[in-house]
Amino acid sequence: FAGALLGFLFYSFPKARIFMGDSGSLLIGFSLASLSILLTQGNN
C-alpha cells in the first residue's frame, strides 16, 4: 500500500494532477483500519 501511495504522491503533491477521490480515501481508510486490527488482535 505504501508503494502504491508513493507513486500517487508524485501526481498529487505539491500540485495535484489527480485527486484520490472517494474511491481512494475509502480504500485507504478501510485498509488502514483492517490491517491495524489484524496486526494487534491476534485475528490473523
All heavy atoms as atom14 arrays in JSON, in Angstrom:
{
  "sequence": "FAGALLGFLFYSFPKARIFMGDSGSLLIGFSLASLSILLTQGNN",
  "atom14_mask": [
    [1, 1, 1, 1, 1, 1, 1, 1, 1, 1, 1, 0, 0, 0],
    [1, 1, 1, 1, 1, 0, 0, 0, 0, 0, 0, 0, 0, 0],
    [1, 1, 1, 1, 0, 0, 0, 0, 0, 0, 0, 0, 0, 0],
    [1, 1, 1, 1, 1, 0, 0, 0, 0, 0, 0, 0, 0, 0],
    [1, 1, 1, 1, 1, 1, 1, 1, 0, 0, 0, 0, 0, 0],
    [1, 1, 1, 1, 1, 1, 1, 1, 0, 0, 0, 0, 0, 0],
    [1, 1, 1, 1, 0, 0, 0, 0, 0, 0, 0, 0, 0, 0],
    [1, 1, 1, 1, 1, 1, 1, 1, 1, 1, 1, 0, 0, 0],
    [1, 1, 1, 1, 1, 1, 1, 1, 0, 0, 0, 0, 0, 0],
    [1, 1, 1, 1, 1, 1, 1, 1, 1, 1, 1, 0, 0, 0],
    [1, 1, 1, 1, 1, 1, 1, 1, 1, 1, 1, 1, 0, 0],
    [1, 1, 1, 1, 1, 1, 0, 0, 0, 0, 0, 0, 0, 0],
    [1, 1, 1, 1, 1, 1, 1, 1, 1, 1, 1, 0, 0, 0],
    [1, 1, 1, 1, 1, 1, 1, 0, 0, 0, 0, 0, 0, 0],
    [1, 1, 1, 1, 1, 1, 1, 1, 1, 0, 0, 0, 0, 0],
    [1, 1, 1, 1, 1, 0, 0, 0, 0, 0, 0, 0, 0, 0],
    [1, 1, 1, 1, 1, 1, 1, 1, 1, 1, 1, 0, 0, 0],
    [1, 1, 1, 1, 1, 1, 1, 1, 0, 0, 0, 0, 0, 0],
    [1, 1, 1, 1, 1, 1, 1, 1, 1, 1, 1, 0, 0, 0],
    [1, 1, 1, 1, 1, 1, 1, 1, 0, 0, 0, 0, 0, 0],
    [1, 1, 1, 1, 0, 0, 0, 0, 0, 0, 0, 0, 0, 0],
    [1, 1, 1, 1, 1, 1, 1, 1, 0, 0, 0, 0, 0, 0],
    [1, 1, 1, 1, 1, 1, 0, 0, 0, 0, 0, 0, 0, 0],
    [1, 1, 1, 1, 0, 0, 0, 0, 0, 0, 0, 0, 0, 0],
    [1, 1, 1, 1, 1, 1, 0, 0, 0, 0, 0, 0, 0, 0],
    [1, 1, 1, 1, 1, 1, 1, 1, 0, 0, 0, 0, 0, 0],
    [1, 1, 1, 1, 1, 1, 1, 1, 0, 0, 0, 0, 0, 0],
    [1, 1, 1, 1, 1, 1, 1, 1, 0, 0, 0, 0, 0, 0],
    [1, 1, 1, 1, 0, 0, 0, 0, 0, 0, 0, 0, 0, 0],
    [1, 1, 1, 1, 1, 1, 1, 1, 1, 1, 1, 0, 0, 0],
    [1, 1, 1, 1, 1, 1, 0, 0, 0, 0, 0, 0, 0, 0],
    [1, 1, 1, 1, 1, 1, 1, 1, 0, 0, 0, 0, 0, 0],
    [1, 1, 1, 1, 1, 0, 0, 0, 0, 0, 0, 0, 0, 0],
    [1, 1, 1, 1, 1, 1, 0, 0, 0, 0, 0, 0, 0, 0],
    [1, 1, 1, 1, 1, 1, 1, 1, 0, 0, 0, 0, 0, 0],
    [1, 1, 1, 1, 1, 1, 0, 0, 0, 0, 0, 0, 0, 0],
    [1, 1, 1, 1, 1, 1, 1, 1, 0, 0, 0, 0, 0, 0],
    [1, 1, 1, 1, 1, 1, 1, 1, 0, 0, 0, 0, 0, 0],
    [1, 1, 1, 1, 1, 1, 1, 1, 0, 0, 0, 0, 0, 0],
    [1, 1, 1, 1, 1, 1, 1, 0, 0, 0, 0, 0, 0, 0],
    [1, 1, 1, 1, 1, 1, 1, 1, 1, 0, 0, 0, 0, 0],
    [1, 1, 1, 1, 0, 0, 0, 0, 0, 0, 0, 0, 0, 0],
    [1, 1, 1, 1, 1, 1, 1, 1, 0, 0, 0, 0, 0, 0],
    [1, 1, 1, 1, 1, 1, 1, 1, 0, 0, 0, 0, 0, 0]
  ],
  "atom14_positions": [
    [[0.83, -1.2, 0.0], [0.0, 0.0, 0.0], [0.87, 1.25, 0.0], [0.57, 2.23, -0.7], [-0.93, 0.01, 1.22], [-2.24, -0.66, 1.0], [-2.48, -1.93, 1.49], [-3.25, -0.03, 0.29], [-3.69, -2.57, 1.29], [-4.47, -0.65, 0.07], [-4.69, -1.92, 0.57], [0.0, 0.0, 0.0], [0.0, 0.0, 0.0], [0.0, 0.0, 0.0]],
    [[1.94, 1.22, 0.8], [2.84, 2.38, 0.86], [3.46, 2.66, -0.5], [3.59, 3.81, -0.93], [3.93, 2.14, 1.91], [0.0, 0.0, 0.0], [0.0, 0.0, 0.0], [0.0, 0.0, 0.0], [0.0, 0.0, 0.0], [0.0, 0.0, 0.0], [0.0, 0.0, 0.0], [0.0, 0.0, 0.0], [0.0, 0.0, 0.0], [0.0, 0.0, 0.0]],
    [[3.85, 1.6, -1.22], [4.43, 1.78, -2.55], [3.45, 2.39, -3.53], [3.8, 3.29, -4.31], [0.0, 0.0, 0.0], [0.0, 0.0, 0.0], [0.0, 0.0, 0.0], [0.0, 0.0, 0.0], [0.0, 0.0, 0.0], [0.0, 0.0, 0.0], [0.0, 0.0, 0.0], [0.0, 0.0, 0.0], [0.0, 0.0, 0.0], [0.0, 0.0, 0.0]],
    [[2.2, 1.91, -3.48], [1.17, 2.47, -4.37], [0.93, 3.94, -4.05], [0.77, 4.78, -4.96], [-0.13, 1.68, -4.23], [0.0, 0.0, 0.0], [0.0, 0.0, 0.0], [0.0, 0.0, 0.0], [0.0, 0.0, 0.0], [0.0, 0.0, 0.0], [0.0, 0.0, 0.0], [0.0, 0.0, 0.0], [0.0, 0.0, 0.0], [0.0, 0.0, 0.0]],
    [[0.9, 4.28, -2.77], [0.68, 5.68, -2.36], [1.85, 6.56, -2.73], [1.67, 7.74, -3.07], [0.43, 5.74, -0.85], [-0.99, 5.38, -0.41], [-1.04, 5.1, 1.09], [-1.96, 6.5, -0.77], [0.0, 0.0, 0.0], [0.0, 0.0, 0.0], [0.0, 0.0, 0.0], [0.0, 0.0, 0.0], [0.0, 0.0, 0.0], [0.0, 0.0, 0.0]],
    [[3.06, 6.03, -2.66], [4.23, 6.82, -3.04], [4.15, 7.21, -4.51], [4.44, 8.35, -4.88], [5.51, 6.04, -2.76], [6.83, 6.78, -3.01], [6.94, 8.03, -2.13], [8.02, 5.86, -2.77], [0.0, 0.0, 0.0], [0.0, 0.0, 0.0], [0.0, 0.0, 0.0], [0.0, 0.0, 0.0], [0.0, 0.0, 0.0], [0.0, 0.0, 0.0]],
    [[3.72, 6.27, -5.36], [3.53, 6.59, -6.77], [2.45, 7.64, -6.96], [2.58, 8.55, -7.78], [0.0, 0.0, 0.0], [0.0, 0.0, 0.0], [0.0, 0.0, 0.0], [0.0, 0.0, 0.0], [0.0, 0.0, 0.0], [0.0, 0.0, 0.0], [0.0, 0.0, 0.0], [0.0, 0.0, 0.0], [0.0, 0.0, 0.0], [0.0, 0.0, 0.0]],
    [[1.39, 7.53, -6.16], [0.3, 8.52, -6.25], [0.76, 9.91, -5.84], [0.36, 10.91, -6.45], [-0.86, 8.06, -5.35], [-1.92, 9.1, -5.14], [-2.83, 9.41, -6.15], [-2.01, 9.79, -3.94], [-3.8, 10.37, -5.96], [-2.98, 10.76, -3.74], [-3.88, 11.05, -4.75], [0.0, 0.0, 0.0], [0.0, 0.0, 0.0], [0.0, 0.0, 0.0]],
    [[1.63, 10.0, -4.83], [2.08, 11.3, -4.33], [2.85, 12.09, -5.38], [2.85, 13.32, -5.37], [2.95, 11.12, -3.08], [2.19, 10.77, -1.79], [3.16, 10.42, -0.66], [1.29, 11.93, -1.37], [0.0, 0.0, 0.0], [0.0, 0.0, 0.0], [0.0, 0.0, 0.0], [0.0, 0.0, 0.0], [0.0, 0.0, 0.0], [0.0, 0.0, 0.0]],
    [[3.51, 11.4, -6.3], [4.22, 12.1, -7.37], [3.25, 12.88, -8.27], [3.65, 13.83, -8.94], [5.02, 11.1, -8.22], [6.31, 10.68, -7.6], [6.46, 9.41, -7.08], [7.39, 11.55, -7.52], [7.67, 9.01, -6.5], [8.59, 11.17, -6.95], [8.73, 9.89, -6.44], [0.0, 0.0, 0.0], [0.0, 0.0, 0.0], [0.0, 0.0, 0.0]],
    [[1.99, 12.46, -8.28], [0.99, 13.11, -9.12], [0.05, 14.01, -8.32], [-0.85, 14.62, -8.9], [0.16, 12.06, -9.86], [0.92, 11.36, -10.95], [1.7, 10.25, -10.66], [0.87, 11.79, -12.27], [2.42, 9.58, -11.65], [1.57, 11.15, -13.26], [2.34, 10.04, -12.95], [3.05, 9.39, -13.94], [0.0, 0.0, 0.0], [0.0, 0.0, 0.0]],
    [[0.23, 14.07, -6.99], [-0.72, 14.84, -6.17], [-0.07, 15.9, -5.29], [-0.77, 16.68, -4.65], [-1.52, 13.88, -5.27], [-0.68, 13.26, -4.32], [0.0, 0.0, 0.0], [0.0, 0.0, 0.0], [0.0, 0.0, 0.0], [0.0, 0.0, 0.0], [0.0, 0.0, 0.0], [0.0, 0.0, 0.0], [0.0, 0.0, 0.0], [0.0, 0.0, 0.0]],
    [[1.26, 15.94, -5.24], [1.93, 16.93, -4.4], [3.22, 17.41, -5.07], [3.97, 16.6, -5.62], [2.26, 16.31, -3.03], [2.86, 17.28, -2.05], [2.06, 18.15, -1.33], [4.24, 17.33, -1.86], [2.61, 19.05, -0.43], [4.8, 18.22, -0.96], [3.97, 19.07, -0.24], [0.0, 0.0, 0.0], [0.0, 0.0, 0.0], [0.0, 0.0, 0.0]],
    [[3.47, 18.74, -5.05], [2.68, 19.8, -4.42], [1.47, 20.25, -5.25], [0.51, 20.75, -4.72], [3.68, 20.94, -4.29], [4.65, 20.72, -5.39], [4.77, 19.24, -5.56], [0.0, 0.0, 0.0], [0.0, 0.0, 0.0], [0.0, 0.0, 0.0], [0.0, 0.0, 0.0], [0.0, 0.0, 0.0], [0.0, 0.0, 0.0], [0.0, 0.0, 0.0]],
    [[1.54, 20.09, -6.58], [0.39, 20.44, -7.43], [-0.27, 19.15, -7.89], [0.39, 18.26, -8.42], [0.82, 21.27, -8.64], [-0.34, 21.67, -9.55], [0.1, 22.6, -10.64], [-1.03, 22.9, -11.63], [-2.2, 23.51, -10.97], [0.0, 0.0, 0.0], [0.0, 0.0, 0.0], [0.0, 0.0, 0.0], [0.0, 0.0, 0.0], [0.0, 0.0, 0.0]],
    [[-1.57, 19.07, -7.69], [-2.29, 17.84, -7.98], [-2.69, 17.75, -9.45], [-3.34, 18.65, -9.97], [-3.53, 17.74, -7.1], [0.0, 0.0, 0.0], [0.0, 0.0, 0.0], [0.0, 0.0, 0.0], [0.0, 0.0, 0.0], [0.0, 0.0, 0.0], [0.0, 0.0, 0.0], [0.0, 0.0, 0.0], [0.0, 0.0, 0.0], [0.0, 0.0, 0.0]],
    [[-2.27, 16.66, -10.09], [-2.75, 16.36, -11.43], [-3.92, 15.38, -11.38], [-4.6, 15.16, -12.38], [-1.62, 15.76, -12.27], [-0.62, 16.81, -12.74], [0.56, 16.18, -13.44], [1.57, 15.72, -12.48], [2.66, 15.06, -12.81], [2.87, 14.76, -14.09], [3.53, 14.68, -11.9], [0.0, 0.0, 0.0], [0.0, 0.0, 0.0], [0.0, 0.0, 0.0]],
    [[-4.14, 14.79, -10.2], [-5.29, 13.91, -9.98], [-5.55, 13.86, -8.48], [-4.62, 14.0, -7.67], [-5.01, 12.49, -10.53], [-6.28, 11.63, -10.45], [-3.86, 11.84, -9.79], [-6.16, 10.29, -11.15], [0.0, 0.0, 0.0], [0.0, 0.0, 0.0], [0.0, 0.0, 0.0], [0.0, 0.0, 0.0], [0.0, 0.0, 0.0], [0.0, 0.0, 0.0]],
    [[-6.81, 13.72, -8.1], [-7.19, 13.59, -6.7], [-7.43, 12.13, -6.35], [-7.8, 11.32, -7.21], [-8.45, 14.4, -6.4], [-8.24, 15.89, -6.38], [-9.29, 16.75, -6.66], [-7.0, 16.43, -6.09], [-9.12, 18.12, -6.63], [-6.8, 17.81, -6.07], [-7.86, 18.66, -6.34], [0.0, 0.0, 0.0], [0.0, 0.0, 0.0], [0.0, 0.0, 0.0]],
    [[-7.25, 11.81, -5.09], [-7.5, 10.46, -4.6], [-8.97, 10.09, -4.77], [-9.3, 8.96, -5.14], [-7.11, 10.37, -3.12], [-7.25, 9.01, -2.51], [-6.85, 8.99, -0.75], [-5.09, 9.35, -0.8], [0.0, 0.0, 0.0], [0.0, 0.0, 0.0], [0.0, 0.0, 0.0], [0.0, 0.0, 0.0], [0.0, 0.0, 0.0], [0.0, 0.0, 0.0]],
    [[-9.85, 11.05, -4.51], [-11.27, 10.8, -4.63], [-11.78, 9.86, -3.54], [-11.0, 9.32, -2.75], [0.0, 0.0, 0.0], [0.0, 0.0, 0.0], [0.0, 0.0, 0.0], [0.0, 0.0, 0.0], [0.0, 0.0, 0.0], [0.0, 0.0, 0.0], [0.0, 0.0, 0.0], [0.0, 0.0, 0.0], [0.0, 0.0, 0.0], [0.0, 0.0, 0.0]],
    [[-13.09, 9.67, -3.5], [-13.65, 8.75, -2.5], [-13.23, 7.32, -2.77], [-13.13, 6.5, -1.84], [-15.18, 8.85, -2.51], [-15.67, 10.08, -1.77], [-14.85, 10.73, -1.09], [-16.87, 10.41, -1.88], [0.0, 0.0, 0.0], [0.0, 0.0, 0.0], [0.0, 0.0, 0.0], [0.0, 0.0, 0.0], [0.0, 0.0, 0.0], [0.0, 0.0, 0.0]],
    [[-13.0, 6.98, -4.03], [-12.53, 5.63, -4.35], [-11.19, 5.35, -3.67], [-10.93, 4.21, -3.25], [-12.38, 5.46, -5.86], [-11.48, 6.42, -6.4], [0.0, 0.0, 0.0], [0.0, 0.0, 0.0], [0.0, 0.0, 0.0], [0.0, 0.0, 0.0], [0.0, 0.0, 0.0], [0.0, 0.0, 0.0], [0.0, 0.0, 0.0], [0.0, 0.0, 0.0]],
    [[-10.37, 6.38, -3.51], [-9.08, 6.21, -2.85], [-9.16, 6.34, -1.34], [-8.6, 5.52, -0.61], [0.0, 0.0, 0.0], [0.0, 0.0, 0.0], [0.0, 0.0, 0.0], [0.0, 0.0, 0.0], [0.0, 0.0, 0.0], [0.0, 0.0, 0.0], [0.0, 0.0, 0.0], [0.0, 0.0, 0.0], [0.0, 0.0, 0.0], [0.0, 0.0, 0.0]],
    [[-9.87, 7.36, -0.86], [-9.92, 7.59, 0.59], [-10.65, 6.46, 1.31], [-10.24, 6.05, 2.41], [-10.58, 8.93, 0.89], [-11.91, 8.97, 0.42], [0.0, 0.0, 0.0], [0.0, 0.0, 0.0], [0.0, 0.0, 0.0], [0.0, 0.0, 0.0], [0.0, 0.0, 0.0], [0.0, 0.0, 0.0], [0.0, 0.0, 0.0], [0.0, 0.0, 0.0]],
    [[-11.73, 5.93, 0.71], [-12.44, 4.81, 1.33], [-11.57, 3.56, 1.34], [-11.51, 2.82, 2.33], [-13.75, 4.54, 0.6], [-14.82, 5.64, 0.68], [-16.05, 5.23, -0.12], [-15.19, 5.94, 2.12], [0.0, 0.0, 0.0], [0.0, 0.0, 0.0], [0.0, 0.0, 0.0], [0.0, 0.0, 0.0], [0.0, 0.0, 0.0], [0.0, 0.0, 0.0]],
    [[-10.88, 3.31, 0.23], [-9.97, 2.16, 0.14], [-8.87, 2.25, 1.19], [-8.61, 1.3, 1.94], [-9.37, 2.08, -1.26], [-8.12, 1.19, -1.42], [-8.49, -0.27, -1.25], [-7.46, 1.43, -2.78], [0.0, 0.0, 0.0], [0.0, 0.0, 0.0], [0.0, 0.0, 0.0], [0.0, 0.0, 0.0], [0.0, 0.0, 0.0], [0.0, 0.0, 0.0]],
    [[-8.21, 3.4, 1.26], [-7.08, 3.56, 2.16], [-7.53, 3.54, 3.62], [-6.91, 2.88, 4.47], [-6.34, 4.88, 1.84], [-5.73, 4.81, 0.44], [-5.25, 5.14, 2.88], [-4.78, 3.65, 0.23], [0.0, 0.0, 0.0], [0.0, 0.0, 0.0], [0.0, 0.0, 0.0], [0.0, 0.0, 0.0], [0.0, 0.0, 0.0], [0.0, 0.0, 0.0]],
    [[-8.6, 4.26, 3.94], [-9.07, 4.3, 5.32], [-9.49, 2.92, 5.81], [-9.12, 2.51, 6.91], [0.0, 0.0, 0.0], [0.0, 0.0, 0.0], [0.0, 0.0, 0.0], [0.0, 0.0, 0.0], [0.0, 0.0, 0.0], [0.0, 0.0, 0.0], [0.0, 0.0, 0.0], [0.0, 0.0, 0.0], [0.0, 0.0, 0.0], [0.0, 0.0, 0.0]],
    [[-10.25, 2.2, 5.0], [-10.69, 0.85, 5.39], [-9.49, -0.07, 5.55], [-9.43, -0.88, 6.49], [-11.65, 0.3, 4.34], [-12.1, -1.1, 4.61], [-13.19, -1.33, 5.45], [-11.46, -2.19, 4.04], [-13.62, -2.63, 5.71], [-11.88, -3.49, 4.3], [-12.95, -3.71, 5.14], [0.0, 0.0, 0.0], [0.0, 0.0, 0.0], [0.0, 0.0, 0.0]],
    [[-8.53, 0.01, 4.65], [-7.35, -0.86, 4.71], [-6.49, -0.57, 5.93], [-5.99, -1.49, 6.58], [-6.52, -0.72, 3.43], [-7.29, -1.07, 2.29], [0.0, 0.0, 0.0], [0.0, 0.0, 0.0], [0.0, 0.0, 0.0], [0.0, 0.0, 0.0], [0.0, 0.0, 0.0], [0.0, 0.0, 0.0], [0.0, 0.0, 0.0], [0.0, 0.0, 0.0]],
    [[-6.32, 0.71, 6.26], [-5.56, 1.06, 7.46], [-6.22, 0.47, 8.7], [-5.54, -0.11, 9.57], [-5.44, 2.58, 7.59], [-4.41, 3.28, 6.71], [-4.6, 4.8, 6.76], [-2.99, 2.91, 7.18], [0.0, 0.0, 0.0], [0.0, 0.0, 0.0], [0.0, 0.0, 0.0], [0.0, 0.0, 0.0], [0.0, 0.0, 0.0], [0.0, 0.0, 0.0]],
    [[-7.53, 0.63, 8.81], [-8.25, 0.11, 9.97], [-8.18, -1.42, 10.03], [-7.9, -2.0, 11.09], [-9.7, 0.58, 9.94], [0.0, 0.0, 0.0], [0.0, 0.0, 0.0], [0.0, 0.0, 0.0], [0.0, 0.0, 0.0], [0.0, 0.0, 0.0], [0.0, 0.0, 0.0], [0.0, 0.0, 0.0], [0.0, 0.0, 0.0], [0.0, 0.0, 0.0]],
    [[-8.41, -2.07, 8.89], [-8.45, -3.53, 8.86], [-7.09, -4.14, 9.18], [-6.99, -5.09, 9.98], [-8.93, -4.0, 7.48], [-10.21, -3.49, 7.19], [0.0, 0.0, 0.0], [0.0, 0.0, 0.0], [0.0, 0.0, 0.0], [0.0, 0.0, 0.0], [0.0, 0.0, 0.0], [0.0, 0.0, 0.0], [0.0, 0.0, 0.0], [0.0, 0.0, 0.0]],
    [[-6.04, -3.62, 8.57], [-4.7, -4.16, 8.82], [-4.26, -3.87, 10.25], [-3.54, -4.68, 10.85], [-3.72, -3.57, 7.81], [-3.93, -4.04, 6.36], [-3.08, -3.23, 5.39], [-3.6, -5.52, 6.22], [0.0, 0.0, 0.0], [0.0, 0.0, 0.0], [0.0, 0.0, 0.0], [0.0, 0.0, 0.0], [0.0, 0.0, 0.0], [0.0, 0.0, 0.0]],
    [[-4.68, -2.74, 10.81], [-4.35, -2.44, 12.2], [-4.98, -3.47, 13.14], [-4.34, -3.92, 14.1], [-4.85, -1.04, 12.58], [-4.16, -0.04, 11.84], [0.0, 0.0, 0.0], [0.0, 0.0, 0.0], [0.0, 0.0, 0.0], [0.0, 0.0, 0.0], [0.0, 0.0, 0.0], [0.0, 0.0, 0.0], [0.0, 0.0, 0.0], [0.0, 0.0, 0.0]],
    [[-6.21, -3.87, 12.84], [-6.88, -4.88, 13.67], [-6.17, -6.22, 13.56], [-5.91, -6.9, 14.56], [-8.36, -5.01, 13.25], [-9.11, -3.73, 13.59], [-9.01, -6.2, 13.95], [-10.54, -3.69, 13.05], [0.0, 0.0, 0.0], [0.0, 0.0, 0.0], [0.0, 0.0, 0.0], [0.0, 0.0, 0.0], [0.0, 0.0, 0.0], [0.0, 0.0, 0.0]],
    [[-5.82, -6.61, 12.35], [-5.13, -7.89, 12.15], [-3.77, -7.9, 12.85], [-3.34, -8.93, 13.38], [-4.94, -8.16, 10.65], [-6.21, -8.51, 9.86], [-5.9, -8.6, 8.37], [-6.81, -9.81, 10.36], [0.0, 0.0, 0.0], [0.0, 0.0, 0.0], [0.0, 0.0, 0.0], [0.0, 0.0, 0.0], [0.0, 0.0, 0.0], [0.0, 0.0, 0.0]],
    [[-3.1, -6.76, 12.88], [-1.78, -6.68, 13.5], [-1.84, -6.69, 15.02], [-0.87, -7.1, 15.67], [-1.06, -5.41, 13.04], [-0.43, -5.45, 11.64], [-0.05, -4.04, 11.19], [0.8, -6.35, 11.64], [0.0, 0.0, 0.0], [0.0, 0.0, 0.0], [0.0, 0.0, 0.0], [0.0, 0.0, 0.0], [0.0, 0.0, 0.0], [0.0, 0.0, 0.0]],
    [[-2.94, -6.26, 15.6], [-2.97, -6.05, 17.05], [-3.88, -6.99, 17.82], [-3.79, -7.05, 19.05], [-3.41, -4.61, 17.38], [-4.73, -4.39, 16.87], [-2.46, -3.59, 16.77], [0.0, 0.0, 0.0], [0.0, 0.0, 0.0], [0.0, 0.0, 0.0], [0.0, 0.0, 0.0], [0.0, 0.0, 0.0], [0.0, 0.0, 0.0], [0.0, 0.0, 0.0]],
    [[-4.75, -7.73, 17.14], [-5.75, -8.52, 17.86], [-5.53, -10.03, 17.81], [-6.31, -10.78, 18.38], [-7.14, -8.2, 17.32], [-7.58, -6.78, 17.55], [-7.66, -6.45, 19.04], [-8.2, -7.2, 19.83], [-7.1, -5.3, 19.41], [0.0, 0.0, 0.0], [0.0, 0.0, 0.0], [0.0, 0.0, 0.0], [0.0, 0.0, 0.0], [0.0, 0.0, 0.0]],
    [[-4.5, -10.49, 17.12], [-4.31, -11.93, 17.04], [-5.37, -12.62, 16.21], [-5.59, -13.82, 16.33], [0.0, 0.0, 0.0], [0.0, 0.0, 0.0], [0.0, 0.0, 0.0], [0.0, 0.0, 0.0], [0.0, 0.0, 0.0], [0.0, 0.0, 0.0], [0.0, 0.0, 0.0], [0.0, 0.0, 0.0], [0.0, 0.0, 0.0], [0.0, 0.0, 0.0]],
    [[-6.08, -11.85, 15.34], [-7.1, -12.45, 14.47], [-6.48, -13.18, 13.28], [-7.1, -14.02, 12.67], [-8.04, -11.36, 13.93], [-8.87, -10.71, 15.03], [-9.74, -11.32, 15.58], [-8.55, -9.47, 15.34], [0.0, 0.0, 0.0], [0.0, 0.0, 0.0], [0.0, 0.0, 0.0], [0.0, 0.0, 0.0], [0.0, 0.0, 0.0], [0.0, 0.0, 0.0]],
    [[-5.26, -12.79, 12.95], [-4.64, -13.33, 11.75], [-4.27, -14.8, 11.95], [-3.73, -15.19, 12.98], [-3.38, -12.51, 11.42], [-2.74, -12.95, 10.13], [-3.4, -13.56, 9.31], [-1.48, -12.67, 9.97], [0.0, 0.0, 0.0], [0.0, 0.0, 0.0], [0.0, 0.0, 0.0], [0.0, 0.0, 0.0], [0.0, 0.0, 0.0], [0.0, 0.0, 0.0]]
  ]
}
